Amino acid sequence: VAKYLPYGPVKDVVPYLTRRARENTSVAGQTGRELGLIKKELD
């Protein structure tokens, strides 16, 4: 297993971060799954 690990100056990486935020919003259920798992662990 390997994770993609982005790096770079904050200013230059913002386009990546905003694209990632938009993709999370558009991919059905992705953000909801992350939220559900975090809530389950905190509980």
PDB file of all heavy atoms in Angstrom:
ATOM      1  N   VAL A   1       0.853  -1.195   0.000  1.00  0.00           N
ATOM      2  CA  VAL A   1       0.000   0.000   0.000  1.00  0.00           C
ATOM      3  C   VAL A   1       0.886   1.242   0.000  1.00  0.00           C
ATOM      4  O   VAL A   1       1.915   1.274   0.688  1.00  0.00           O
ATOM      5  CB  VAL A   1      -0.911   0.068   1.251  1.00  0.00           C
ATOM      6  CG1 VAL A   1      -1.968   1.157   1.090  1.00  0.00           C
ATOM      7  CG2 VAL A   1      -1.567  -1.265   1.528  1.00  0.00           C
ATOM      8  N   ALA A   2       0.470   2.258  -0.752  1.00  0.00           N
ATOM      9  CA  ALA A   2       1.191   3.532  -0.721  1.00  0.00           C
ATOM     10  C   ALA A   2       0.197   4.677  -0.859  1.00  0.00           C
ATOM     11  O   ALA A   2      -0.806   4.568  -1.563  1.00  0.00           O
ATOM     12  CB  ALA A   2       2.221   3.594  -1.847  1.00  0.00           C
ATOM     13  N   LYS A   3       0.478   5.748  -0.160  1.00  0.00           N
ATOM     14  CA  LYS A   3      -0.352   6.947  -0.213  1.00  0.00           C
ATOM     15  C   LYS A   3       0.331   8.007  -1.083  1.00  0.00           C
ATOM     16  O   LYS A   3       1.547   8.226  -0.975  1.00  0.00           O
ATOM     17  CB  LYS A   3      -0.511   7.545   1.190  1.00  0.00           C
ATOM     18  CG  LYS A   3      -1.351   6.713   2.159  1.00  0.00           C
ATOM     19  CD  LYS A   3      -2.783   7.188   2.158  1.00  0.00           C
ATOM     20  CE  LYS A   3      -3.504   6.782   3.427  1.00  0.00           C
ATOM     21  NZ  LYS A   3      -4.959   7.087   3.323  1.00  0.00           N
ATOM     22  N   TYR A   4      -0.462   8.674  -1.920  1.00  0.00           N
ATOM     23  CA  TYR A   4       0.016   9.884  -2.591  1.00  0.00           C
ATOM     24  C   TYR A   4       0.200  10.964  -1.540  1.00  0.00           C
ATOM     25  O   TYR A   4      -0.753  11.288  -0.810  1.00  0.00           O
ATOM     26  CB  TYR A   4      -1.021  10.342  -3.607  1.00  0.00           C
ATOM     27  CG  TYR A   4      -0.691  10.002  -5.038  1.00  0.00           C
ATOM     28  CD1 TYR A   4      -0.423   8.688  -5.425  1.00  0.00           C
ATOM     29  CD2 TYR A   4      -0.652  10.991  -6.015  1.00  0.00           C
ATOM     30  CE1 TYR A   4      -0.131   8.374  -6.734  1.00  0.00           C
ATOM     31  CE2 TYR A   4      -0.363  10.690  -7.331  1.00  0.00           C
ATOM     32  CZ  TYR A   4      -0.099   9.380  -7.694  1.00  0.00           C
ATOM     33  OH  TYR A   4       0.197   9.073  -8.996  1.00  0.00           O
ATOM     34  N   LEU A   5       1.393  11.525  -1.455  1.00  0.00           N
ATOM     35  CA  LEU A   5       1.691  12.529  -0.430  1.00  0.00           C
ATOM     36  C   LEU A   5       2.096  13.846  -1.109  1.00  0.00           C
ATOM     37  O   LEU A   5       3.267  14.051  -1.422  1.00  0.00           O
ATOM     38  CB  LEU A   5       2.815  12.024   0.482  1.00  0.00           C
ATOM     39  CG  LEU A   5       3.153  12.899   1.687  1.00  0.00           C
ATOM     40  CD1 LEU A   5       1.988  12.924   2.676  1.00  0.00           C
ATOM     41  CD2 LEU A   5       4.414  12.393   2.393  1.00  0.00           C
ATOM     42  N   PRO A   6       1.132  14.733  -1.357  1.00  0.00           N
ATOM     43  CA  PRO A   6       1.460  16.006  -1.998  1.00  0.00           C
ATOM     44  C   PRO A   6       2.311  16.878  -1.088  1.00  0.00           C
ATOM     45  O   PRO A   6       2.196  16.826   0.135  1.00  0.00           O
ATOM     46  CB  PRO A   6       0.092  16.653  -2.237  1.00  0.00           C
ATOM     47  CG  PRO A   6      -0.890  15.536  -2.113  1.00  0.00           C
ATOM     48  CD  PRO A   6      -0.298  14.588  -1.114  1.00  0.00           C
ATOM     49  N   TYR A   7       3.170  17.678  -1.715  1.00  0.00           N
ATOM     50  CA  TYR A   7       3.931  18.666  -0.952  1.00  0.00           C
ATOM     51  C   TYR A   7       4.272  19.830  -1.874  1.00  0.00           C
ATOM     52  O   TYR A   7       4.178  19.738  -3.102  1.00  0.00           O
ATOM     53  CB  TYR A   7       5.212  18.056  -0.364  1.00  0.00           C
ATOM     54  CG  TYR A   7       6.345  17.896  -1.358  1.00  0.00           C
ATOM     55  CD1 TYR A   7       7.349  18.868  -1.465  1.00  0.00           C
ATOM     56  CD2 TYR A   7       6.413  16.790  -2.201  1.00  0.00           C
ATOM     57  CE1 TYR A   7       8.381  18.736  -2.376  1.00  0.00           C
ATOM     58  CE2 TYR A   7       7.441  16.646  -3.111  1.00  0.00           C
ATOM     59  CZ  TYR A   7       8.426  17.629  -3.205  1.00  0.00           C
ATOM     60  OH  TYR A   7       9.433  17.500  -4.118  1.00  0.00           O
ATOM     61  N   GLY A   8       4.685  20.936  -1.281  1.00  0.00           N
ATOM     62  CA  GLY A   8       5.068  22.130  -2.036  1.00  0.00           C
ATOM     63  C   GLY A   8       4.682  23.369  -1.247  1.00  0.00           C
ATOM     64  O   GLY A   8       3.963  23.284  -0.243  1.00  0.00           O
ATOM     65  N   PRO A   9       5.162  24.539  -1.682  1.00  0.00           N
ATOM     66  CA  PRO A   9       4.783  25.779  -1.010  1.00  0.00           C
ATOM     67  C   PRO A   9       3.270  25.936  -0.974  1.00  0.00           C
ATOM     68  O   PRO A   9       2.584  25.620  -1.957  1.00  0.00           O
ATOM     69  CB  PRO A   9       5.430  26.871  -1.886  1.00  0.00           C
ATOM     70  CG  PRO A   9       6.542  26.166  -2.607  1.00  0.00           C
ATOM     71  CD  PRO A   9       6.074  24.769  -2.824  1.00  0.00           C
ATOM     72  N   VAL A  10       2.739  26.407   0.157  1.00  0.00           N
ATOM     73  CA  VAL A  10       1.288  26.515   0.325  1.00  0.00           C
ATOM     74  C   VAL A  10       0.657  27.251  -0.850  1.00  0.00           C
ATOM     75  O   VAL A  10      -0.348  26.795  -1.427  1.00  0.00           O
ATOM     76  CB  VAL A  10       0.940  27.230   1.654  1.00  0.00           C
ATOM     77  CG1 VAL A  10      -0.565  27.514   1.736  1.00  0.00           C
ATOM     78  CG2 VAL A  10       1.376  26.379   2.837  1.00  0.00           C
ATOM     79  N   LYS A  11       1.228  28.377  -1.237  1.00  0.00           N
ATOM     80  CA  LYS A  11       0.659  29.190  -2.323  1.00  0.00           C
ATOM     81  C   LYS A  11       0.541  28.387  -3.612  1.00  0.00           C
ATOM     82  O   LYS A  11      -0.456  28.473  -4.330  1.00  0.00           O
ATOM     83  CB  LYS A  11       1.531  30.429  -2.544  1.00  0.00           C
ATOM     84  CG  LYS A  11       1.023  31.350  -3.643  1.00  0.00           C
ATOM     85  CD  LYS A  11       1.916  32.577  -3.769  1.00  0.00           C
ATOM     86  CE  LYS A  11       1.444  33.465  -4.909  1.00  0.00           C
ATOM     87  NZ  LYS A  11       2.291  34.668  -5.046  1.00  0.00           N
ATOM     88  N   ASP A  12       1.561  27.577  -3.906  1.00  0.00           N
ATOM     89  CA  ASP A  12       1.568  26.827  -5.164  1.00  0.00           C
ATOM     90  C   ASP A  12       0.684  25.586  -5.109  1.00  0.00           C
ATOM     91  O   ASP A  12       0.259  25.067  -6.144  1.00  0.00           O
ATOM     92  CB  ASP A  12       3.004  26.402  -5.510  1.00  0.00           C
ATOM     93  CG  ASP A  12       3.871  27.588  -5.897  1.00  0.00           C
ATOM     94  OD1 ASP A  12       3.313  28.585  -6.394  1.00  0.00           O
ATOM     95  OD2 ASP A  12       5.101  27.523  -5.702  1.00  0.00           O
ATOM     96  N   VAL A  13       0.427  25.083  -3.903  1.00  0.00           N
ATOM     97  CA  VAL A  13      -0.358  23.850  -3.758  1.00  0.00           C
ATOM     98  C   VAL A  13      -1.856  24.134  -3.649  1.00  0.00           C
ATOM     99  O   VAL A  13      -2.673  23.229  -3.806  1.00  0.00           O
ATOM    100  CB  VAL A  13       0.150  23.050  -2.530  1.00  0.00           C
ATOM    101  CG1 VAL A  13      -0.707  21.828  -2.258  1.00  0.00           C
ATOM    102  CG2 VAL A  13       1.597  22.610  -2.760  1.00  0.00           C
ATOM    103  N   VAL A  14      -2.242  25.396  -3.433  1.00  0.00           N
ATOM    104  CA  VAL A  14      -3.658  25.733  -3.286  1.00  0.00           C
ATOM    105  C   VAL A  14      -4.519  25.249  -4.464  1.00  0.00           C
ATOM    106  O   VAL A  14      -5.616  24.724  -4.248  1.00  0.00           O
ATOM    107  CB  VAL A  14      -3.846  27.246  -3.018  1.00  0.00           C
ATOM    108  CG1 VAL A  14      -5.258  27.715  -3.363  1.00  0.00           C
ATOM    109  CG2 VAL A  14      -3.566  27.534  -1.548  1.00  0.00           C
ATOM    110  N   PRO A  15      -4.080  25.369  -5.730  1.00  0.00           N
ATOM    111  CA  PRO A  15      -4.918  24.814  -6.814  1.00  0.00           C
ATOM    112  C   PRO A  15      -5.196  23.325  -6.640  1.00  0.00           C
ATOM    113  O   PRO A  15      -6.308  22.861  -6.898  1.00  0.00           O
ATOM    114  CB  PRO A  15      -4.077  25.074  -8.075  1.00  0.00           C
ATOM    115  CG  PRO A  15      -3.264  26.276  -7.734  1.00  0.00           C
ATOM    116  CD  PRO A  15      -2.927  26.123  -6.275  1.00  0.00           C
ATOM    117  N   TYR A  16      -4.192  22.566  -6.178  1.00  0.00           N
ATOM    118  CA  TYR A  16      -4.409  21.145  -5.894  1.00  0.00           C
ATOM    119  C   TYR A  16      -5.431  20.975  -4.774  1.00  0.00           C
ATOM    120  O   TYR A  16      -6.342  20.152  -4.862  1.00  0.00           O
ATOM    121  CB  TYR A  16      -3.089  20.464  -5.507  1.00  0.00           C
ATOM    122  CG  TYR A  16      -3.287  19.084  -4.905  1.00  0.00           C
ATOM    123  CD1 TYR A  16      -3.397  17.961  -5.720  1.00  0.00           C
ATOM    124  CD2 TYR A  16      -3.402  18.913  -3.522  1.00  0.00           C
ATOM    125  CE1 TYR A  16      -3.618  16.697  -5.171  1.00  0.00           C
ATOM    126  CE2 TYR A  16      -3.618  17.657  -2.966  1.00  0.00           C
ATOM    127  CZ  TYR A  16      -3.718  16.556  -3.793  1.00  0.00           C
ATOM    128  OH  TYR A  16      -3.943  15.319  -3.252  1.00  0.00           O
ATOM    129  N   LEU A  17      -5.267  21.737  -3.706  1.00  0.00           N
ATOM    130  CA  LEU A  17      -6.151  21.592  -2.544  1.00  0.00           C
ATOM    131  C   LEU A  17      -7.600  21.933  -2.893  1.00  0.00           C
ATOM    132  O   LEU A  17      -8.537  21.248  -2.461  1.00  0.00           O
ATOM    133  CB  LEU A  17      -5.674  22.498  -1.403  1.00  0.00           C
ATOM    134  CG  LEU A  17      -4.363  22.093  -0.726  1.00  0.00           C
ATOM    135  CD1 LEU A  17      -3.904  23.186   0.235  1.00  0.00           C
ATOM    136  CD2 LEU A  17      -4.525  20.778   0.016  1.00  0.00           C
ATOM    137  N   THR A  18      -7.796  22.996  -3.669  1.00  0.00           N
ATOM    138  CA  THR A  18      -9.160  23.377  -4.025  1.00  0.00           C
ATOM    139  C   THR A  18      -9.773  22.345  -4.975  1.00  0.00           C
ATOM    140  O   THR A  18     -10.971  22.040  -4.890  1.00  0.00           O
ATOM    141  CB  THR A  18      -9.198  24.782  -4.660  1.00  0.00           C
ATOM    142  OG1 THR A  18      -8.298  24.843  -5.770  1.00  0.00           O
ATOM    143  CG2 THR A  18      -8.802  25.831  -3.652  1.00  0.00           C
ATOM    144  N   ARG A  19      -8.950  21.778  -5.857  1.00  0.00           N
ATOM    145  CA  ARG A  19      -9.454  20.709  -6.743  1.00  0.00           C
ATOM    146  C   ARG A  19      -9.844  19.490  -5.904  1.00  0.00           C
ATOM    147  O   ARG A  19     -10.865  18.846  -6.147  1.00  0.00           O
ATOM    148  CB  ARG A  19      -8.384  20.341  -7.775  1.00  0.00           C
ATOM    149  CG  ARG A  19      -8.833  19.271  -8.764  1.00  0.00           C
ATOM    150  CD  ARG A  19      -7.927  19.245  -9.987  1.00  0.00           C
ATOM    151  NE  ARG A  19      -6.542  18.961  -9.663  1.00  0.00           N
ATOM    152  CZ  ARG A  19      -6.067  17.732  -9.459  1.00  0.00           C
ATOM    153  NH1 ARG A  19      -6.872  16.688  -9.513  1.00  0.00           N
ATOM    154  NH2 ARG A  19      -4.794  17.540  -9.207  1.00  0.00           N
ATOM    155  N   ARG A  20      -9.025  19.173  -4.921  1.00  0.00           N
ATOM    156  CA  ARG A  20      -9.327  18.031  -4.042  1.00  0.00           C
ATOM    157  C   ARG A  20     -10.638  18.274  -3.284  1.00  0.00           C
ATOM    158  O   ARG A  20     -11.465  17.378  -3.154  1.00  0.00           O
ATOM    159  CB  ARG A  20      -8.166  17.851  -3.045  1.00  0.00           C
ATOM    160  CG  ARG A  20      -8.308  16.707  -2.088  1.00  0.00           C
ATOM    161  CD  ARG A  20      -8.320  15.346  -2.757  1.00  0.00           C
ATOM    162  NE  ARG A  20      -7.203  15.149  -3.632  1.00  0.00           N
ATOM    163  CZ  ARG A  20      -7.292  14.738  -4.890  1.00  0.00           C
ATOM    164  NH1 ARG A  20      -8.466  14.479  -5.420  1.00  0.00           N
ATOM    165  NH2 ARG A  20      -6.228  14.571  -5.641  1.00  0.00           N
ATOM    166  N   ALA A  21     -10.848  19.492  -2.810  1.00  0.00           N
ATOM    167  CA  ALA A  21     -12.089  19.812  -2.088  1.00  0.00           C
ATOM    168  C   ALA A  21     -13.293  19.661  -3.012  1.00  0.00           C
ATOM    169  O   ALA A  21     -14.323  19.092  -2.640  1.00  0.00           O
ATOM    170  CB  ALA A  21     -12.022  21.229  -1.527  1.00  0.00           C
ATOM    171  N   ARG A  22     -13.164  20.158  -4.243  1.00  0.00           N
ATOM    172  CA  ARG A  22     -14.281  20.049  -5.190  1.00  0.00           C
ATOM    173  C   ARG A  22     -14.558  18.594  -5.548  1.00  0.00           C
ATOM    174  O   ARG A  22     -15.698  18.173  -5.685  1.00  0.00           O
ATOM    175  CB  ARG A  22     -13.970  20.855  -6.460  1.00  0.00           C
ATOM    176  CG  ARG A  22     -14.089  22.367  -6.258  1.00  0.00           C
ATOM    177  CD  ARG A  22     -14.094  23.100  -7.588  1.00  0.00           C
ATOM    178  NE  ARG A  22     -14.294  24.526  -7.401  1.00  0.00           N
ATOM    179  CZ  ARG A  22     -13.336  25.436  -7.521  1.00  0.00           C
ATOM    180  NH1 ARG A  22     -12.107  25.061  -7.821  1.00  0.00           N
ATOM    181  NH2 ARG A  22     -13.596  26.710  -7.346  1.00  0.00           N
ATOM    182  N   GLU A  23     -13.486  17.809  -5.736  1.00  0.00           N
ATOM    183  CA  GLU A  23     -13.673  16.388  -6.080  1.00  0.00           C
ATOM    184  C   GLU A  23     -14.355  15.645  -4.931  1.00  0.00           C
ATOM    185  O   GLU A  23     -15.215  14.805  -5.150  1.00  0.00           O
ATOM    186  CB  GLU A  23     -12.325  15.737  -6.408  1.00  0.00           C
ATOM    187  CG  GLU A  23     -11.803  16.116  -7.783  1.00  0.00           C
ATOM    188  CD  GLU A  23     -10.361  15.670  -8.012  1.00  0.00           C
ATOM    189  OE1 GLU A  23      -9.855  14.873  -7.210  1.00  0.00           O
ATOM    190  OE2 GLU A  23      -9.755  16.129  -8.995  1.00  0.00           O
ATOM    191  N   ASN A  24     -13.976  15.969  -3.708  1.00  0.00           N
ATOM    192  CA  ASN A  24     -14.616  15.336  -2.555  1.00  0.00           C
ATOM    193  C   ASN A  24     -16.104  15.642  -2.522  1.00  0.00           C
ATOM    194  O   ASN A  24     -16.916  14.800  -2.141  1.00  0.00           O
ATOM    195  CB  ASN A  24     -13.971  15.841  -1.255  1.00  0.00           C
ATOM    196  CG  ASN A  24     -12.895  14.914  -0.762  1.00  0.00           C
ATOM    197  OD1 ASN A  24     -13.165  13.803  -0.359  1.00  0.00           O
ATOM    198  ND2 ASN A  24     -11.659  15.365  -0.822  1.00  0.00           N
ATOM    199  N   THR A  25     -16.452  16.865  -2.928  1.00  0.00           N
ATOM    200  CA  THR A  25     -17.853  17.249  -2.939  1.00  0.00           C
ATOM    201  C   THR A  25     -18.614  16.515  -4.031  1.00  0.00           C
ATOM    202  O   THR A  25     -19.757  16.109  -3.852  1.00  0.00           O
ATOM    203  CB  THR A  25     -17.970  18.781  -3.175  1.00  0.00           C
ATOM    204  OG1 THR A  25     -17.223  19.441  -2.157  1.00  0.00           O
ATOM    205  CG2 THR A  25     -19.410  19.240  -3.090  1.00  0.00           C
ATOM    206  N   SER A  26     -17.956  16.310  -5.203  1.00  0.00           N
ATOM    207  CA  SER A  26     -18.663  15.746  -6.352  1.00  0.00           C
ATOM    208  C   SER A  26     -18.696  14.223  -6.349  1.00  0.00           C
ATOM    209  O   SER A  26     -19.560  13.625  -6.970  1.00  0.00           O
ATOM    210  CB  SER A  26     -18.018  16.245  -7.658  1.00  0.00           C
ATOM    211  OG  SER A  26     -16.695  15.767  -7.782  1.00  0.00           O
ATOM    212  N   VAL A  27     -17.740  13.559  -5.671  1.00  0.00           N
ATOM    213  CA  VAL A  27     -17.738  12.096  -5.653  1.00  0.00           C
ATOM    214  C   VAL A  27     -18.800  11.609  -4.672  1.00  0.00           C
ATOM    215  O   VAL A  27     -18.741  11.909  -3.480  1.00  0.00           O
ATOM    216  CB  VAL A  27     -16.350  11.541  -5.247  1.00  0.00           C
ATOM    217  CG1 VAL A  27     -16.410  10.027  -5.111  1.00  0.00           C
ATOM    218  CG2 VAL A  27     -15.305  11.920  -6.294  1.00  0.00           C
ATOM    219  N   ALA A  28     -19.747  10.864  -5.215  1.00  0.00           N
ATOM    220  CA  ALA A  28     -20.904  10.446  -4.408  1.00  0.00           C
ATOM    221  C   ALA A  28     -20.483   9.695  -3.149  1.00  0.00           C
ATOM    222  O   ALA A  28     -19.820   8.678  -3.215  1.00  0.00           O
ATOM    223  CB  ALA A  28     -21.822   9.569  -5.247  1.00  0.00           C
ATOM    224  N   GLY A  29     -20.853  10.256  -2.000  1.00  0.00           N
ATOM    225  CA  GLY A  29     -20.660   9.540  -0.745  1.00  0.00           C
ATOM    226  C   GLY A  29     -19.278   9.619  -0.133  1.00  0.00           C
ATOM    227  O   GLY A  29     -19.104   9.216   1.017  1.00  0.00           O
ATOM    228  N   GLN A  30     -18.263  10.149  -0.851  1.00  0.00           N
ATOM    229  CA  GLN A  30     -16.898  10.107  -0.325  1.00  0.00           C
ATOM    230  C   GLN A  30     -16.770  10.880   0.988  1.00  0.00           C
ATOM    231  O   GLN A  30     -16.271  10.365   1.986  1.00  0.00           O
ATOM    232  CB  GLN A  30     -15.912  10.655  -1.359  1.00  0.00           C
ATOM    233  CG  GLN A  30     -14.458  10.684  -0.892  1.00  0.00           C
ATOM    234  CD  GLN A  30     -13.912   9.304  -0.591  1.00  0.00           C
ATOM    235  OE1 GLN A  30     -14.025   8.402  -1.403  1.00  0.00           O
ATOM    236  NE2 GLN A  30     -13.316   9.123   0.577  1.00  0.00           N
ATOM    237  N   THR A  31     -17.226  12.131   0.981  1.00  0.00           N
ATOM    238  CA  THR A  31     -17.100  12.945   2.182  1.00  0.00           C
ATOM    239  C   THR A  31     -17.946  12.386   3.317  1.00  0.00           C
ATOM    240  O   THR A  31     -17.527  12.359   4.474  1.00  0.00           O
ATOM    241  CB  THR A  31     -17.508  14.405   1.891  1.00  0.00           C
ATOM    242  OG1 THR A  31     -16.693  14.895   0.825  1.00  0.00           O
ATOM    243  CG2 THR A  31     -17.303  15.287   3.100  1.00  0.00           C
ATOM    244  N   GLY A  32     -19.135  11.892   2.985  1.00  0.00           N
ATOM    245  CA  GLY A  32     -19.998  11.289   4.000  1.00  0.00           C
ATOM    246  C   GLY A  32     -19.357  10.078   4.650  1.00  0.00           C
ATOM    247  O   GLY A  32     -19.492   9.876   5.867  1.00  0.00           O
ATOM    248  N   ARG A  33     -18.639   9.280   3.839  1.00  0.00           N
ATOM    249  CA  ARG A  33     -17.940   8.106   4.396  1.00  0.00           C
ATOM    250  C   ARG A  33     -16.864   8.538   5.372  1.00  0.00           C
ATOM    251  O   ARG A  33     -16.710   7.959   6.449  1.00  0.00           O
ATOM    252  CB  ARG A  33     -17.328   7.259   3.268  1.00  0.00           C
ATOM    253  CG  ARG A  33     -18.315   6.323   2.609  1.00  0.00           C
ATOM    254  CD  ARG A  33     -17.604   5.263   1.785  1.00  0.00           C
ATOM    255  NE  ARG A  33     -16.846   5.817   0.677  1.00  0.00           N
ATOM    256  CZ  ARG A  33     -17.374   6.118  -0.507  1.00  0.00           C
ATOM    257  NH1 ARG A  33     -18.650   5.943  -0.739  1.00  0.00           N
ATOM    258  NH2 ARG A  33     -16.611   6.605  -1.474  1.00  0.00           N
ATOM    259  N   GLU A  34     -16.082   9.561   4.986  1.00  0.00           N
ATOM    260  CA  GLU A  34     -15.023  10.053   5.877  1.00  0.00           C
ATOM    261  C   GLU A  34     -15.625  10.540   7.194  1.00  0.00           C
ATOM    262  O   GLU A  34     -15.134  10.221   8.280  1.00  0.00           O
ATOM    263  CB  GLU A  34     -14.243  11.188   5.207  1.00  0.00           C
ATOM    264  CG  GLU A  34     -13.508  10.810   3.924  1.00  0.00           C
ATOM    265  CD  GLU A  34     -12.290   9.926   4.148  1.00  0.00           C
ATOM    266  OE1 GLU A  34     -11.852   9.770   5.304  1.00  0.00           O
ATOM    267  OE2 GLU A  34     -11.778   9.372   3.159  1.00  0.00           O
ATOM    268  N   LEU A  35     -16.708  11.303   7.101  1.00  0.00           N
ATOM    269  CA  LEU A  35     -17.358  11.833   8.301  1.00  0.00           C
ATOM    270  C   LEU A  35     -17.890  10.713   9.186  1.00  0.00           C
ATOM    271  O   LEU A  35     -17.718  10.732  10.411  1.00  0.00           O
ATOM    272  CB  LEU A  35     -18.508  12.761   7.895  1.00  0.00           C
ATOM    273  CG  LEU A  35     -18.111  14.152   7.403  1.00  0.00           C
ATOM    274  CD1 LEU A  35     -19.294  14.835   6.729  1.00  0.00           C
ATOM    275  CD2 LEU A  35     -17.591  15.005   8.560  1.00  0.00           C
ATOM    276  N   GLY A  36     -18.532   9.722   8.557  1.00  0.00           N
ATOM    277  CA  GLY A  36     -19.100   8.611   9.318  1.00  0.00           C
ATOM    278  C   GLY A  36     -18.039   7.821  10.060  1.00  0.00           C
ATOM    279  O   GLY A  36     -18.237   7.437  11.229  1.00  0.00           O
ATOM    280  N   LEU A  37     -16.896   7.599   9.406  1.00  0.00           N
ATOM    281  CA  LEU A  37     -15.816   6.837  10.034  1.00  0.00           C
ATOM    282  C   LEU A  37     -15.194   7.612  11.201  1.00  0.00           C
ATOM    283  O   LEU A  37     -14.909   7.047  12.263  1.00  0.00           O
ATOM    284  CB  LEU A  37     -14.745   6.501   8.996  1.00  0.00           C
ATOM    285  CG  LEU A  37     -15.163   5.471   7.947  1.00  0.00           C
ATOM    286  CD1 LEU A  37     -14.236   5.525   6.736  1.00  0.00           C
ATOM    287  CD2 LEU A  37     -15.162   4.060   8.549  1.00  0.00           C
ATOM    288  N   ILE A  38     -14.991   8.916  11.004  1.00  0.00           N
ATOM    289  CA  ILE A  38     -14.421   9.735  12.082  1.00  0.00           C
ATOM    290  C   ILE A  38     -15.372   9.762  13.286  1.00  0.00           C
ATOM    291  O   ILE A  38     -14.956   9.602  14.436  1.00  0.00           O
ATOM    292  CB  ILE A  38     -14.131  11.170  11.581  1.00  0.00           C
ATOM    293  CG1 ILE A  38     -13.019  11.153  10.519  1.00  0.00           C
ATOM    294  CG2 ILE A  38     -13.733  12.076  12.741  1.00  0.00           C
ATOM    295  CD1 ILE A  38     -12.850  12.467   9.777  1.00  0.00           C
ATOM    296  N   LYS A  39     -16.671   9.949  13.005  1.00  0.00           N
ATOM    297  CA  LYS A  39     -17.654   9.989  14.090  1.00  0.00           C
ATOM    298  C   LYS A  39     -17.692   8.647  14.830  1.00  0.00           C
ATOM    299  O   LYS A  39     -17.741   8.598  16.071  1.00  0.00           O
ATOM    300  CB  LYS A  39     -19.034  10.321  13.533  1.00  0.00           C
ATOM    301  CG  LYS A  39     -20.104  10.483  14.629  1.00  0.00           C
ATOM    302  CD  LYS A  39     -21.432  10.918  14.047  1.00  0.00           C
ATOM    303  CE  LYS A  39     -22.448  11.214  15.152  1.00  0.00           C
ATOM    304  NZ  LYS A  39     -22.635  10.099  16.084  1.00  0.00           N
ATOM    305  N   LYS A  40     -17.636   7.563  14.069  1.00  0.00           N
ATOM    306  CA  LYS A  40     -17.658   6.233  14.681  1.00  0.00           C
ATOM    307  C   LYS A  40     -16.469   6.049  15.629  1.00  0.00           C
ATOM    308  O   LYS A  40     -16.613   5.531  16.743  1.00  0.00           O
ATOM    309  CB  LYS A  40     -17.624   5.164  13.582  1.00  0.00           C
ATOM    310  CG  LYS A  40     -17.662   3.731  14.118  1.00  0.00           C
ATOM    311  CD  LYS A  40     -17.549   2.712  12.986  1.00  0.00           C
ATOM    312  CE  LYS A  40     -17.452   1.298  13.569  1.00  0.00           C
ATOM    313  NZ  LYS A  40     -17.196   0.281  12.528  1.00  0.00           N
ATOM    314  N   GLU A  41     -15.291   6.509  15.204  1.00  0.00           N
ATOM    315  CA  GLU A  41     -14.105   6.354  16.051  1.00  0.00           C
ATOM    316  C   GLU A  41     -14.177   7.249  17.288  1.00  0.00           C
ATOM    317  O   GLU A  41     -13.812   6.826  18.392  1.00  0.00           O
ATOM    318  CB  GLU A  41     -12.845   6.661  15.244  1.00  0.00           C
ATOM    319  CG  GLU A  41     -11.531   6.624  16.028  1.00  0.00           C
ATOM    320  CD  GLU A  41     -11.240   5.292  16.715  1.00  0.00           C
ATOM    321  OE1 GLU A  41     -11.941   4.271  16.432  1.00  0.00           O
ATOM    322  OE2 GLU A  41     -10.316   5.248  17.546  1.00  0.00           O
ATOM    323  N   LEU A  42     -14.647   8.476  17.128  1.00  0.00           N
ATOM    324  CA  LEU A  42     -14.785   9.356  18.290  1.00  0.00           C
ATOM    325  C   LEU A  42     -15.797   8.790  19.284  1.00  0.00           C
ATOM    326  O   LEU A  42     -15.570   8.815  20.503  1.00  0.00           O
ATOM    327  CB  LEU A  42     -15.226  10.765  17.833  1.00  0.00           C
ATOM    328  CG  LEU A  42     -14.130  11.602  17.157  1.00  0.00           C
ATOM    329  CD1 LEU A  42     -14.728  12.866  16.525  1.00  0.00           C
ATOM    330  CD2 LEU A  42     -13.037  11.986  18.160  1.00  0.00           C
ATOM    331  N   ASP A  43     -16.889   8.231  18.760  1.00  0.00           N
ATOM    332  CA  ASP A  43     -17.872   7.600  19.648  1.00  0.00           C
ATOM    333  C   ASP A  43     -17.275   6.399  20.370  1.00  0.00           C
ATOM    334  O   ASP A  43     -17.508   6.188  21.566  1.00  0.00           O
ATOM    335  CB  ASP A  43     -19.101   7.142  18.830  1.00  0.00           C
ATOM    336  CG  ASP A  43     -19.951   8.311  18.351  1.00  0.00           C
ATOM    337  OD1 ASP A  43     -19.750   9.431  18.850  1.00  0.00           O
ATOM    338  OD2 ASP A  43     -20.797   8.101  17.451  1.00  0.00           O
TER     339      ASP A  43
END
